Structures are given as structure tokens and as C-alpha cells.
């Protein structure tokens, strides 16, 4: 995930005309963009559009969530004429104007991976989008009892990430537990759902939106991970808000994130770095490092710093290769 532009989007310089309408792209699939008129009452009122060739020539791709100007063609379809300025832009998943990121991780099946959670948070923090954590599948049982691993994982997330200021919701799509307060949190936002494959994002959305029947798949026992049940980005109306349902990811690669950006994406390091003795401190070995001092005092969780070091090594290796 990466935010390329927070205030301005690259758009066509095509001159507006009176026949153009304003809308939002609610789905992108196979080269078509499905645009809902700004005054449409429901998401099903969409026009299938192609994008003007000038976008491709300029290396610009319309994204789900884009506010656009479009025109209607004689065959009842349309053409995206201009992309209006974006407030945010993510590369992976490709979606624009998101103002809330929901990171969904299951407590088990697949096992909760804090390293992957921190990698998602790095991308979201770099994008400058507020993040909310959702622990799904809290109803899964083993021999009539929640597994000890699942209980430990949930406790770790609540202990570590609530202390950092992140909201944490626990949900069970099967039992309907935790759905109502989670739904209330989404109202008034254009949110993106992201997380590891098979964590139950589609099941969660089905529970939130009555009548929604997104495809779901069971976890592969052999691989221990889920199949990609969502194959494209699409906006879903949830009653007072919109959610971008996106393909799940088993892993994320740092793309345009610079080494100097990494510490900023860990909220606790961002707060402490002004107190470091040296400007540009990497929080690895420098004397007078406020982050290392806080770590020694137990004020920073060891796993967070360990993951920071792993990501730092990954970025340095990438820089050496390229």
C-alpha cells in the first residue's frame, strides 16, 4: 500500500463541456469502469464506461473511489473524461479517496501474523490514512474450547496496538457478535478492507450488509491460507458509508517506501524520534537514541522493534539489488 498523492491527482486536461456529469467509480473490471452518478440513490445505478485514451498515454489509471467527470455515449455507455483531485491514493489495493483503513486479521485459521500486521500498518501509516484493526473469526473453536494460541494472539493485539492508539474490534461473522458497533464505526466513511487472504473479509461484509452474498471460501488445510475470493475492487454500500472490498494478500512488498520513511510509519518511533541525539537516527545502534532507550525501559514492545529491524533489512536489500 502506498499513497502517491494526498492532495492532487493527475487528471486529464480535457476541457469540460455541459454534457459531462460527475460521478464516482464504484467498480473496475476488465478495462471497464462502472460509474455511479453523484446524485444516484443506490450503487446499482451505474454506467459502464471506458476511459479516454489520454489517460493511458499519460500513464494514468482511473481507480475505484475516484470522483470523475464522464459523458454518455449513444449506446447507453459512457466515457470517463476527467479524474478529479484525490485526497488519497493506494497502489495496492488500487483505490482512491479512502479515509479509513480496516485491517482484518483472524485470531486463527490463518494464524494471526503480527509481522504481517505491522507491514500492513507501515503501508497505511505511509499513506496517511487512519487505521482500525478488526480481529475476525473469534467464534472458531477447537474441541469446544478456543485454542490457547488464538486467545494469546487476541490478547497480544489488544495489549500492543490499543496502547499505540489503534482501535481494535473483535467480530464473529457466524454468530453476529461485534457486528453492530463495527458497522457504526464505518458510517460516514469511504473505507478499505484489507488483510491476509482467508481472514474472513467477505464473510464480515456479508454479516454487515443484509442480503449481500459475496463469495467466500474455506481455508486450505494443506497451505494454511485462504483462496482469493475477491478478485477485483468494488465499493459496497453499508448504510451511511461505503466500503471497498479488495483482494486479500498473503504478503506485501515495500514498493516506493524509502528507508528514511520507515521509522515514521511506526507511530511510537515517530513520536520519540525528535528526542534522538542524532538527526536521521535509524533507531538501531546510535548513542542517545530515544527509541532504543524507550525499548530498554519496556515502553516499546519488543516485537514491534524486531519487525522494524526486519523491514529495514528488507529495504536495504532491495536498494542493493536495484
C-alpha atoms as a PDB file:
ATOM      1  CA  UNK A   1       0.000   0.000   0.000  1.00  0.00           C
ATOM      2  CA  UNK A   2       1.294   3.382  -0.901  1.00  0.00           C
ATOM      3  CA  UNK A   3      -0.106   6.879  -1.041  1.00  0.00           C
ATOM      4  CA  UNK A   4       1.169   8.580  -4.172  1.00  0.00           C
ATOM      5  CA  UNK A   5      -0.759  11.815  -3.865  1.00  0.00           C
ATOM      6  CA  UNK A   6      -2.732  13.124  -0.909  1.00  0.00           C
ATOM      7  CA  UNK A   7      -3.982  16.404  -2.317  1.00  0.00           C
ATOM      8  CA  UNK A   8      -3.741  16.360  -6.065  1.00  0.00           C
ATOM      9  CA  UNK A   9      -4.323  13.683  -8.644  1.00  0.00           C
ATOM     10  CA  UNK A  10      -3.019  13.678 -12.143  1.00  0.00           C
ATOM     11  CA  UNK A  11      -6.013  14.238 -14.363  1.00  0.00           C
ATOM     12  CA  UNK A  12      -6.886  14.780 -17.971  1.00  0.00           C
ATOM     13  CA  UNK A  13      -6.590  18.377 -19.158  1.00  0.00           C
ATOM     14  CA  UNK A  14      -9.620  17.756 -21.354  1.00  0.00           C
ATOM     15  CA  UNK A  15     -11.852  20.804 -21.347  1.00  0.00           C
ATOM     16  CA  UNK A  16     -15.188  20.269 -19.622  1.00  0.00           C
ATOM     17  CA  UNK A  17     -18.410  20.631 -21.541  1.00  0.00           C
ATOM     18  CA  UNK A  18     -22.007  20.980 -20.470  1.00  0.00           C
ATOM     19  CA  UNK A  19     -22.798  17.368 -21.351  1.00  0.00           C
ATOM     20  CA  UNK A  20     -20.435  15.971 -18.738  1.00  0.00           C
ATOM     21  CA  UNK A  21     -21.711  14.510 -15.494  1.00  0.00           C
ATOM     22  CA  UNK A  22     -19.997  13.992 -12.154  1.00  0.00           C
ATOM     23  CA  UNK A  23     -19.828  10.570 -10.527  1.00  0.00           C
ATOM     24  CA  UNK A  24     -17.706   8.093  -8.606  1.00  0.00           C
ATOM     25  CA  UNK A  25     -16.119   4.903  -9.896  1.00  0.00           C
ATOM     26  CA  UNK A  26     -17.605   2.064  -7.842  1.00  0.00           C
ATOM     27  CA  UNK A  27     -16.048  -0.885  -9.712  1.00  0.00           C
ATOM     28  CA  UNK A  28     -13.235  -1.514 -12.189  1.00  0.00           C
ATOM     29  CA  UNK A  29     -13.227  -4.758 -14.137  1.00  0.00           C
ATOM     30  CA  UNK A  30     -11.715  -5.914 -17.446  1.00  0.00           C
ATOM     31  CA  UNK A  31     -10.971  -2.416 -18.701  1.00  0.00           C
ATOM     32  CA  UNK A  32     -14.401  -1.039 -17.815  1.00  0.00           C
ATOM     33  CA  UNK A  33     -15.186   1.499 -15.095  1.00  0.00           C
ATOM     34  CA  UNK A  34     -18.624   1.427 -13.506  1.00  0.00           C
ATOM     35  CA  UNK A  35     -19.589   4.971 -12.554  1.00  0.00           C
ATOM     36  CA  UNK A  36     -22.411   5.981 -10.221  1.00  0.00           C
ATOM     37  CA  UNK A  37     -23.806   9.454 -10.826  1.00  0.00           C
ATOM     38  CA  UNK A  38     -23.208  11.863  -7.961  1.00  0.00           C
ATOM     39  CA  UNK A  39     -26.940  12.122  -7.290  1.00  0.00           C
ATOM     40  CA  UNK A  40     -27.716   8.399  -7.714  1.00  0.00           C
ATOM     41  CA  UNK A  41     -29.502   6.948  -4.712  1.00  0.00           C
ATOM     42  CA  UNK A  42     -28.109   3.412  -4.911  1.00  0.00           C
ATOM     43  CA  UNK A  43     -24.906   1.842  -6.154  1.00  0.00           C
ATOM     44  CA  UNK A  44     -26.757  -0.282  -8.704  1.00  0.00           C
ATOM     45  CA  UNK A  45     -27.482   2.868 -10.720  1.00  0.00           C
ATOM     46  CA  UNK A  46     -24.211   2.769 -12.620  1.00  0.00           C
ATOM     47  CA  UNK A  47     -22.973   3.444 -16.149  1.00  0.00           C
ATOM     48  CA  UNK A  48     -20.400   1.177 -17.770  1.00  0.00           C
ATOM     49  CA  UNK A  49     -17.590   3.422 -19.028  1.00  0.00           C
ATOM     50  CA  UNK A  50     -14.322   3.290 -20.869  1.00  0.00           C
ATOM     51  CA  UNK A  51     -11.556   5.754 -20.043  1.00  0.00           C
ATOM     52  CA  UNK A  52     -10.318   8.280 -22.591  1.00  0.00           C
ATOM     53  CA  UNK A  53      -7.130   7.277 -24.358  1.00  0.00           C
ATOM     54  CA  UNK A  54      -5.319  10.303 -22.987  1.00  0.00           C
ATOM     55  CA  UNK A  55      -5.153   8.644 -19.560  1.00  0.00           C
ATOM     56  CA  UNK A  56      -3.208   5.654 -20.927  1.00  0.00           C
ATOM     57  CA  UNK A  57      -0.935   7.956 -22.912  1.00  0.00           C
ATOM     58  CA  UNK A  58      -0.079   9.827 -19.719  1.00  0.00           C
ATOM     59  CA  UNK A  59       0.319   6.674 -17.627  1.00  0.00           C
ATOM     60  CA  UNK A  60      -2.754   7.478 -15.542  1.00  0.00           C
ATOM     61  CA  UNK A  61      -5.181   4.820 -14.344  1.00  0.00           C
ATOM     62  CA  UNK A  62      -8.649   5.650 -13.044  1.00  0.00           C
ATOM     63  CA  UNK A  63      -9.214   3.959  -9.686  1.00  0.00           C
ATOM     64  CA  UNK A  64     -12.212   2.731  -7.752  1.00  0.00           C
ATOM     65  CA  UNK A  65     -13.183   5.592  -5.451  1.00  0.00           C
ATOM     66  CA  UNK A  66     -12.208   8.261  -7.985  1.00  0.00           C
ATOM     67  CA  UNK A  67     -14.531  11.198  -8.376  1.00  0.00           C
ATOM     68  CA  UNK A  68     -14.745  11.716 -12.121  1.00  0.00           C
ATOM     69  CA  UNK A  69     -16.398  13.674 -14.888  1.00  0.00           C
ATOM     70  CA  UNK A  70     -17.948  11.420 -17.502  1.00  0.00           C
ATOM     71  CA  UNK A  71     -20.082  11.675 -20.604  1.00  0.00           C
ATOM     72  CA  UNK A  72     -22.732   9.379 -22.022  1.00  0.00           C
ATOM     73  CA  UNK A  73     -22.366   7.732 -25.410  1.00  0.00           C
ATOM     74  CA  UNK A  74     -25.072   6.852 -27.915  1.00  0.00           C
ATOM     75  CA  UNK A  75     -25.106   3.156 -26.947  1.00  0.00           C
ATOM     76  CA  UNK A  76     -26.023   3.919 -23.340  1.00  0.00           C
ATOM     77  CA  UNK A  77     -22.483   3.505 -22.038  1.00  0.00           C
ATOM     78  CA  UNK A  78     -20.095   6.266 -21.062  1.00  0.00           C
ATOM     79  CA  UNK A  79     -16.594   7.700 -21.184  1.00  0.00           C
ATOM     80  CA  UNK A  80     -14.513   8.827 -18.209  1.00  0.00           C
ATOM     81  CA  UNK A  81     -13.336  12.280 -19.252  1.00  0.00           C
ATOM     82  CA  UNK A  82     -11.516  13.609 -16.196  1.00  0.00           C
ATOM     83  CA  UNK A  83     -10.292  12.393 -12.805  1.00  0.00           C
ATOM     84  CA  UNK A  84     -10.947  14.958 -10.095  1.00  0.00           C
ATOM     85  CA  UNK A  85      -8.311  15.659  -7.390  1.00  0.00           C
ATOM     86  CA  UNK A  86      -7.765  12.774  -4.958  1.00  0.00           C
ATOM     87  CA  UNK A  87      -7.470  13.035  -1.197  1.00  0.00           C
ATOM     88  CA  UNK A  88      -5.549   9.744  -1.058  1.00  0.00           C
ATOM     89  CA  UNK A  89      -4.317   7.065  -3.413  1.00  0.00           C
ATOM     90  CA  UNK A  90      -3.277   3.496  -2.696  1.00  0.00           C
ATOM     91  CA  UNK A  91      -1.320   1.360  -5.138  1.00  0.00           C
ATOM     92  CA  UNK A  92      -2.148  -1.948  -3.520  1.00  0.00           C
ATOM     93  CA  UNK A  93      -5.068  -2.277  -3.304  1.00  0.00           C
ATOM     94  CA  UNK A  94      -5.678   0.227  -6.150  1.00  0.00           C
ATOM     95  CA  UNK A  95      -8.265   2.584  -4.677  1.00  0.00           C
ATOM     96  CA  UNK A  96      -8.609   6.348  -4.209  1.00  0.00           C
ATOM     97  CA  UNK A  97     -10.110   8.780  -1.702  1.00  0.00           C
ATOM     98  CA  UNK A  98     -10.105   6.301   1.185  1.00  0.00           C
ATOM     99  CA  UNK A  99     -10.397   7.953   4.595  1.00  0.00           C
ATOM    100  CA  UNK A 100     -10.370   4.838   6.804  1.00  0.00           C
ATOM    101  CA  UNK A 101      -8.446   1.567   6.507  1.00  0.00           C
ATOM    102  CA  UNK A 102      -9.847  -1.581   8.115  1.00  0.00           C
ATOM    103  CA  UNK A 103      -7.130  -4.194   8.606  1.00  0.00           C
ATOM    104  CA  UNK A 104      -8.831  -7.545   9.111  1.00  0.00           C
ATOM    105  CA  UNK A 105      -6.845 -10.333  10.768  1.00  0.00           C
ATOM    106  CA  UNK A 106      -8.260 -13.584  12.082  1.00  0.00           C
ATOM    107  CA  UNK A 107      -7.312 -14.888  15.513  1.00  0.00           C
ATOM    108  CA  UNK A 108      -6.858 -18.334  13.941  1.00  0.00           C
ATOM    109  CA  UNK A 109      -7.136 -20.082  10.566  1.00  0.00           C
ATOM    110  CA  UNK A 110      -4.962 -18.493   9.304  1.00  0.00           C
ATOM    111  CA  UNK A 111      -2.937 -17.859  12.442  1.00  0.00           C
ATOM    112  CA  UNK A 112      -2.570 -14.217  13.388  1.00  0.00           C
ATOM    113  CA  UNK A 113       0.726 -12.911  11.995  1.00  0.00           C
ATOM    114  CA  UNK A 114       1.894  -9.793  13.859  1.00  0.00           C
ATOM    115  CA  UNK A 115       4.769  -9.252  11.429  1.00  0.00           C
ATOM    116  CA  UNK A 116       2.321  -9.067   8.526  1.00  0.00           C
ATOM    117  CA  UNK A 117       0.015  -6.844  10.575  1.00  0.00           C
ATOM    118  CA  UNK A 118       2.881  -4.421  11.176  1.00  0.00           C
ATOM    119  CA  UNK A 119       3.738  -4.462   7.464  1.00  0.00           C
ATOM    120  CA  UNK A 120       0.159  -3.504   6.600  1.00  0.00           C
ATOM    121  CA  UNK A 121       0.288  -0.752   9.220  1.00  0.00           C
ATOM    122  CA  UNK A 122       3.516   0.616   7.733  1.00  0.00           C
ATOM    123  CA  UNK A 123       1.831   0.986   4.350  1.00  0.00           C
ATOM    124  CA  UNK A 124      -1.289   2.554   5.842  1.00  0.00           C
ATOM    125  CA  UNK A 125       0.700   4.982   8.013  1.00  0.00           C
ATOM    126  CA  UNK A 126       2.771   5.950   4.970  1.00  0.00           C
ATOM    127  CA  UNK A 127      -0.483   6.659   3.126  1.00  0.00           C
ATOM    128  CA  UNK A 128      -1.613   8.897   5.978  1.00  0.00           C
ATOM    129  CA  UNK A 129      -4.923   7.050   6.396  1.00  0.00           C
ATOM    130  CA  UNK A 130      -6.351   6.275   9.865  1.00  0.00           C
ATOM    131  CA  UNK A 131      -6.302   2.537  10.582  1.00  0.00           C
ATOM    132  CA  UNK A 132      -8.725   0.367  12.538  1.00  0.00           C
ATOM    133  CA  UNK A 133      -7.921  -3.246  13.443  1.00  0.00           C
ATOM    134  CA  UNK A 134     -10.559  -5.964  13.246  1.00  0.00           C
ATOM    135  CA  UNK A 135      -9.968  -9.411  14.744  1.00  0.00           C
ATOM    136  CA  UNK A 136     -12.296 -11.801  12.946  1.00  0.00           C
ATOM    137  CA  UNK A 137     -13.346 -15.427  13.468  1.00  0.00           C
ATOM    138  CA  UNK A 138     -13.481 -15.118  17.250  1.00  0.00           C
ATOM    139  CA  UNK A 139     -16.059 -17.921  17.301  1.00  0.00           C
ATOM    140  CA  UNK A 140     -13.757 -20.635  15.938  1.00  0.00           C
ATOM    141  CA  UNK A 141     -13.440 -23.436  18.438  1.00  0.00           C
ATOM    142  CA  UNK A 142     -11.256 -26.449  18.895  1.00  0.00           C
ATOM    143  CA  UNK A 143     -12.725 -29.349  20.888  1.00  0.00           C
ATOM    144  CA  UNK A 144     -15.280 -26.966  22.371  1.00  0.00           C
ATOM    145  CA  UNK A 145     -12.644 -24.502  23.571  1.00  0.00           C
ATOM    146  CA  UNK A 146     -10.941 -21.544  21.944  1.00  0.00           C
ATOM    147  CA  UNK A 147      -7.373 -22.507  21.167  1.00  0.00           C
ATOM    148  CA  UNK A 148      -4.742 -21.145  23.504  1.00  0.00           C
ATOM    149  CA  UNK A 149      -2.902 -19.715  20.505  1.00  0.00           C
ATOM    150  CA  UNK A 150      -5.968 -17.753  19.414  1.00  0.00           C
ATOM    151  CA  UNK A 151      -6.512 -16.373  22.909  1.00  0.00           C
ATOM    152  CA  UNK A 152      -2.854 -15.361  23.166  1.00  0.00           C
ATOM    153  CA  UNK A 153      -2.902 -13.721  19.737  1.00  0.00           C
ATOM    154  CA  UNK A 154      -6.010 -11.675  20.501  1.00  0.00           C
ATOM    155  CA  UNK A 155      -4.595 -10.601  23.858  1.00  0.00           C
ATOM    156  CA  UNK A 156      -1.324  -9.530  22.216  1.00  0.00           C
ATOM    157  CA  UNK A 157      -3.098  -7.371  19.650  1.00  0.00           C
ATOM    158  CA  UNK A 158      -5.232  -5.681  22.286  1.00  0.00           C
ATOM    159  CA  UNK A 159      -2.245  -5.106  24.570  1.00  0.00           C
ATOM    160  CA  UNK A 160       0.182  -3.805  21.938  1.00  0.00           C
ATOM    161  CA  UNK A 161      -1.973  -1.891  19.486  1.00  0.00           C
ATOM    162  CA  UNK A 162      -4.545  -0.312  21.775  1.00  0.00           C
ATOM    163  CA  UNK A 163      -1.614   1.233  23.652  1.00  0.00           C
ATOM    164  CA  UNK A 164      -0.461   2.751  20.357  1.00  0.00           C
ATOM    165  CA  UNK A 165      -3.833   4.400  19.833  1.00  0.00           C
ATOM    166  CA  UNK A 166      -5.325   1.970  17.318  1.00  0.00           C
ATOM    167  CA  UNK A 167      -8.962   0.952  17.676  1.00  0.00           C
ATOM    168  CA  UNK A 168      -9.428  -2.821  17.889  1.00  0.00           C
ATOM    169  CA  UNK A 169     -12.751  -4.536  17.157  1.00  0.00           C
ATOM    170  CA  UNK A 170     -13.465  -8.222  17.736  1.00  0.00           C
ATOM    171  CA  UNK A 171     -16.058  -9.845  15.471  1.00  0.00           C
ATOM    172  CA  UNK A 172     -17.681 -13.165  14.701  1.00  0.00           C
ATOM    173  CA  UNK A 173     -19.495 -13.205  11.362  1.00  0.00           C
ATOM    174  CA  UNK A 174     -21.055 -16.605  12.103  1.00  0.00           C
ATOM    175  CA  UNK A 175     -22.509 -15.560  15.460  1.00  0.00           C
ATOM    176  CA  UNK A 176     -23.094 -11.914  14.559  1.00  0.00           C
ATOM    177  CA  UNK A 177     -21.010 -10.758  17.525  1.00  0.00           C
ATOM    178  CA  UNK A 178     -19.377  -7.330  17.392  1.00  0.00           C
ATOM    179  CA  UNK A 179     -21.004  -6.529  14.047  1.00  0.00           C
ATOM    180  CA  UNK A 180     -23.243  -3.634  15.143  1.00  0.00           C
ATOM    181  CA  UNK A 181     -20.575  -1.427  16.762  1.00  0.00           C
ATOM    182  CA  UNK A 182     -18.235  -2.175  13.869  1.00  0.00           C
ATOM    183  CA  UNK A 183     -20.923  -1.145  11.396  1.00  0.00           C
ATOM    184  CA  UNK A 184     -21.471   2.099  13.315  1.00  0.00           C
ATOM    185  CA  UNK A 185     -17.740   2.861  13.084  1.00  0.00           C
ATOM    186  CA  UNK A 186     -17.880   2.672   9.294  1.00  0.00           C
ATOM    187  CA  UNK A 187     -20.718   5.165   8.847  1.00  0.00           C
ATOM    188  CA  UNK A 188     -19.780   8.353   7.041  1.00  0.00           C
ATOM    189  CA  UNK A 189     -16.547   6.897   5.660  1.00  0.00           C
ATOM    190  CA  UNK A 190     -15.157   5.506   2.437  1.00  0.00           C
ATOM    191  CA  UNK A 191     -13.222   2.634   3.962  1.00  0.00           C
ATOM    192  CA  UNK A 192     -10.957  -0.034   2.531  1.00  0.00           C
ATOM    193  CA  UNK A 193     -10.955  -3.597   3.843  1.00  0.00           C
ATOM    194  CA  UNK A 194      -7.538  -5.213   3.597  1.00  0.00           C
ATOM    195  CA  UNK A 195      -5.770  -8.143   5.161  1.00  0.00           C
ATOM    196  CA  UNK A 196      -4.297 -11.561   4.621  1.00  0.00           C
ATOM    197  CA  UNK A 197      -6.182 -13.951   2.350  1.00  0.00           C
ATOM    198  CA  UNK A 198      -8.767 -16.105   4.093  1.00  0.00           C
ATOM    199  CA  UNK A 199      -9.256 -13.941   7.177  1.00  0.00           C
ATOM    200  CA  UNK A 200     -12.974 -13.557   6.556  1.00  0.00           C
ATOM    201  CA  UNK A 201     -13.309 -10.116   4.955  1.00  0.00           C
ATOM    202  CA  UNK A 202     -16.097 -11.227   2.618  1.00  0.00           C
ATOM    203  CA  UNK A 203     -17.913 -13.057   5.436  1.00  0.00           C
ATOM    204  CA  UNK A 204     -17.650  -9.936   7.578  1.00  0.00           C
ATOM    205  CA  UNK A 205     -19.127  -7.759   4.830  1.00  0.00           C
ATOM    206  CA  UNK A 206     -21.925 -10.300   4.304  1.00  0.00           C
ATOM    207  CA  UNK A 207     -22.713 -10.014   8.021  1.00  0.00           C
ATOM    208  CA  UNK A 208     -22.665  -6.206   7.936  1.00  0.00           C
ATOM    209  CA  UNK A 209     -24.833  -5.795   4.834  1.00  0.00           C
ATOM    210  CA  UNK A 210     -28.125  -7.765   4.893  1.00  0.00           C
ATOM    211  CA  UNK A 211     -28.706  -9.542   1.590  1.00  0.00           C
ATOM    212  CA  UNK A 212     -25.104  -9.255   0.432  1.00  0.00           C
ATOM    213  CA  UNK A 213     -23.777 -12.574  -0.850  1.00  0.00           C
ATOM    214  CA  UNK A 214     -20.085 -12.150  -1.517  1.00  0.00           C
ATOM    215  CA  UNK A 215     -18.302 -15.381  -2.379  1.00  0.00           C
ATOM    216  CA  UNK A 216     -16.398 -16.986   0.498  1.00  0.00           C
ATOM    217  CA  UNK A 217     -14.047 -19.936   0.628  1.00  0.00           C
ATOM    218  CA  UNK A 218     -12.764 -22.183   3.357  1.00  0.00           C
ATOM    219  CA  UNK A 219      -9.150 -22.134   4.441  1.00  0.00           C
ATOM    220  CA  UNK A 220      -6.879 -24.563   2.634  1.00  0.00           C
ATOM    221  CA  UNK A 221      -5.760 -27.082   5.237  1.00  0.00           C
ATOM    222  CA  UNK A 222      -2.718 -28.012   3.171  1.00  0.00           C
ATOM    223  CA  UNK A 223      -1.446 -24.467   2.726  1.00  0.00           C
ATOM    224  CA  UNK A 224      -2.925 -22.879   5.842  1.00  0.00           C
ATOM    225  CA  UNK A 225      -4.178 -19.893   3.915  1.00  0.00           C
ATOM    226  CA  UNK A 226      -7.314 -18.839   2.129  1.00  0.00           C
ATOM    227  CA  UNK A 227      -8.122 -18.609  -1.534  1.00  0.00           C
ATOM    228  CA  UNK A 228      -8.576 -15.190  -3.112  1.00  0.00           C
ATOM    229  CA  UNK A 229     -12.373 -14.932  -3.051  1.00  0.00           C
ATOM    230  CA  UNK A 230     -12.393 -11.258  -4.066  1.00  0.00           C
ATOM    231  CA  UNK A 231     -10.837 -10.703  -7.489  1.00  0.00           C
ATOM    232  CA  UNK A 232     -11.463  -7.017  -8.070  1.00  0.00           C
ATOM    233  CA  UNK A 233     -12.001  -3.832  -6.080  1.00  0.00           C
ATOM    234  CA  UNK A 234     -15.621  -2.787  -5.673  1.00  0.00           C
ATOM    235  CA  UNK A 235     -17.436  -0.280  -3.475  1.00  0.00           C
ATOM    236  CA  UNK A 236     -20.197  -1.708  -1.305  1.00  0.00           C
ATOM    237  CA  UNK A 237     -22.873   0.436   0.330  1.00  0.00           C
ATOM    238  CA  UNK A 238     -23.191  -0.360   4.027  1.00  0.00           C
ATOM    239  CA  UNK A 239     -25.836   2.141   5.082  1.00  0.00           C
ATOM    240  CA  UNK A 240     -24.306   5.528   5.761  1.00  0.00           C
ATOM    241  CA  UNK A 241     -20.918   4.641   4.311  1.00  0.00           C
ATOM    242  CA  UNK A 242     -19.016   2.882   1.556  1.00  0.00           C
ATOM    243  CA  UNK A 243     -16.528   0.030   1.815  1.00  0.00           C
ATOM    244  CA  UNK A 244     -14.012  -1.056  -0.819  1.00  0.00           C
ATOM    245  CA  UNK A 245     -13.900  -4.839  -0.824  1.00  0.00           C
ATOM    246  CA  UNK A 246     -10.454  -5.805  -2.105  1.00  0.00           C
ATOM    247  CA  UNK A 247      -8.497  -8.958  -2.929  1.00  0.00           C
ATOM    248  CA  UNK A 248      -6.672 -10.414   0.069  1.00  0.00           C
ATOM    249  CA  UNK A 249      -2.914 -10.641   0.133  1.00  0.00           C
ATOM    250  CA  UNK A 250      -0.657 -13.287   1.599  1.00  0.00           C
ATOM    251  CA  UNK A 251       2.281 -10.913   1.517  1.00  0.00           C
ATOM    252  CA  UNK A 252       3.119  -7.301   0.779  1.00  0.00           C
ATOM    253  CA  UNK A 253       6.255  -5.908  -0.766  1.00  0.00           C
ATOM    254  CA  UNK A 254       7.577  -2.464   0.046  1.00  0.00           C
ATOM    255  CA  UNK A 255       7.372  -0.588  -3.224  1.00  0.00           C
ATOM    256  CA  UNK A 256       8.275   3.087  -3.164  1.00  0.00           C
ATOM    257  CA  UNK A 257       8.809   3.316   0.593  1.00  0.00           C
ATOM    258  CA  UNK A 258      12.201   4.852   1.341  1.00  0.00           C
ATOM    259  CA  UNK A 259      14.478   3.680   4.145  1.00  0.00           C
ATOM    260  CA  UNK A 260      14.184   7.107   5.748  1.00  0.00           C
ATOM    261  CA  UNK A 261      10.383   6.768   5.775  1.00  0.00           C
ATOM    262  CA  UNK A 262      10.211   3.530   7.736  1.00  0.00           C
ATOM    263  CA  UNK A 263      10.642   4.890  11.269  1.00  0.00           C
ATOM    264  CA  UNK A 264       7.933   7.477  10.624  1.00  0.00           C
ATOM    265  CA  UNK A 265       5.481   4.669   9.856  1.00  0.00           C
ATOM    266  CA  UNK A 266       5.853   3.212  13.380  1.00  0.00           C
ATOM    267  CA  UNK A 267       3.767   5.620  15.451  1.00  0.00           C
ATOM    268  CA  UNK A 268       5.755   5.137  18.651  1.00  0.00           C
ATOM    269  CA  UNK A 269       9.060   5.815  16.853  1.00  0.00           C
ATOM    270  CA  UNK A 270       7.584   8.833  15.109  1.00  0.00           C
ATOM    271  CA  UNK A 271       6.692  10.327  18.482  1.00  0.00           C
ATOM    272  CA  UNK A 272      10.117   9.662  20.014  1.00  0.00           C
ATOM    273  CA  UNK A 273      12.459  10.420  17.097  1.00  0.00           C
ATOM    274  CA  UNK A 274      12.619  14.210  17.760  1.00  0.00           C
ATOM    275  CA  UNK A 275      14.297  13.344  21.085  1.00  0.00           C
ATOM    276  CA  UNK A 276      17.052  11.280  19.452  1.00  0.00           C
ATOM    277  CA  UNK A 277      20.549  12.763  19.744  1.00  0.00           C
ATOM    278  CA  UNK A 278      21.276  12.497  16.023  1.00  0.00           C
ATOM    279  CA  UNK A 279      19.095  13.698  13.209  1.00  0.00           C
ATOM    280  CA  UNK A 280      18.289  10.832  10.860  1.00  0.00           C
ATOM    281  CA  UNK A 281      18.748   8.289  13.654  1.00  0.00           C
ATOM    282  CA  UNK A 282      17.963   4.758  12.412  1.00  0.00           C
ATOM    283  CA  UNK A 283      16.999   3.525  15.907  1.00  0.00           C
ATOM    284  CA  UNK A 284      19.354   0.570  15.543  1.00  0.00           C
ATOM    285  CA  UNK A 285      22.598   1.293  17.392  1.00  0.00           C
ATOM    286  CA  UNK A 286      23.083   5.053  17.709  1.00  0.00           C
ATOM    287  CA  UNK A 287      24.021   6.516  21.113  1.00  0.00           C
ATOM    288  CA  UNK A 288      21.417   8.837  22.540  1.00  0.00           C
ATOM    289  CA  UNK A 289      18.596   7.140  20.603  1.00  0.00           C
ATOM    290  CA  UNK A 290      15.289   7.874  22.346  1.00  0.00           C
ATOM    291  CA  UNK A 291      13.662   4.838  20.721  1.00  0.00           C
ATOM    292  CA  UNK A 292      16.302   2.408  21.987  1.00  0.00           C
ATOM    293  CA  UNK A 293      16.097   3.973  25.436  1.00  0.00           C
ATOM    294  CA  UNK A 294      12.312   3.519  25.486  1.00  0.00           C
ATOM    295  CA  UNK A 295      12.757  -0.064  24.296  1.00  0.00           C
ATOM    296  CA  UNK A 296      15.180  -0.745  27.153  1.00  0.00           C
ATOM    297  CA  UNK A 297      12.635   0.643  29.615  1.00  0.00           C
ATOM    298  CA  UNK A 298       9.931  -1.631  28.203  1.00  0.00           C
ATOM    299  CA  UNK A 299       7.921   1.293  26.849  1.00  0.00           C
ATOM    300  CA  UNK A 300       8.087  -0.043  23.284  1.00  0.00           C
ATOM    301  CA  UNK A 301       7.014  -3.586  22.509  1.00  0.00           C
ATOM    302  CA  UNK A 302       9.960  -5.779  21.519  1.00  0.00           C
ATOM    303  CA  UNK A 303       8.070  -7.399  18.634  1.00  0.00           C
ATOM    304  CA  UNK A 304       7.424  -4.012  17.042  1.00  0.00           C
ATOM    305  CA  UNK A 305      11.105  -3.092  17.104  1.00  0.00           C
ATOM    306  CA  UNK A 306      12.063  -6.557  15.839  1.00  0.00           C
ATOM    307  CA  UNK A 307       9.705  -6.121  12.888  1.00  0.00           C
ATOM    308  CA  UNK A 308      11.116  -2.662  12.249  1.00  0.00           C
ATOM    309  CA  UNK A 309      14.604  -4.164  12.005  1.00  0.00           C
ATOM    310  CA  UNK A 310      13.351  -6.875   9.622  1.00  0.00           C
ATOM    311  CA  UNK A 311      11.663  -4.321   7.378  1.00  0.00           C
ATOM    312  CA  UNK A 312      14.753  -2.109   7.464  1.00  0.00           C
ATOM    313  CA  UNK A 313      16.902  -5.041   6.312  1.00  0.00           C
ATOM    314  CA  UNK A 314      14.378  -5.807   3.576  1.00  0.00           C
ATOM    315  CA  UNK A 315      14.502  -2.230   2.307  1.00  0.00           C
ATOM    316  CA  UNK A 316      18.323  -2.171   2.357  1.00  0.00           C
ATOM    317  CA  UNK A 317      18.463  -5.453   0.439  1.00  0.00           C
ATOM    318  CA  UNK A 318      16.038  -4.079  -2.126  1.00  0.00           C
ATOM    319  CA  UNK A 319      18.143  -0.939  -2.509  1.00  0.00           C
ATOM    320  CA  UNK A 320      21.283  -3.054  -3.094  1.00  0.00           C
ATOM    321  CA  UNK A 321      19.522  -5.103  -5.788  1.00  0.00           C
ATOM    322  CA  UNK A 322      18.308  -2.069  -7.676  1.00  0.00           C
END
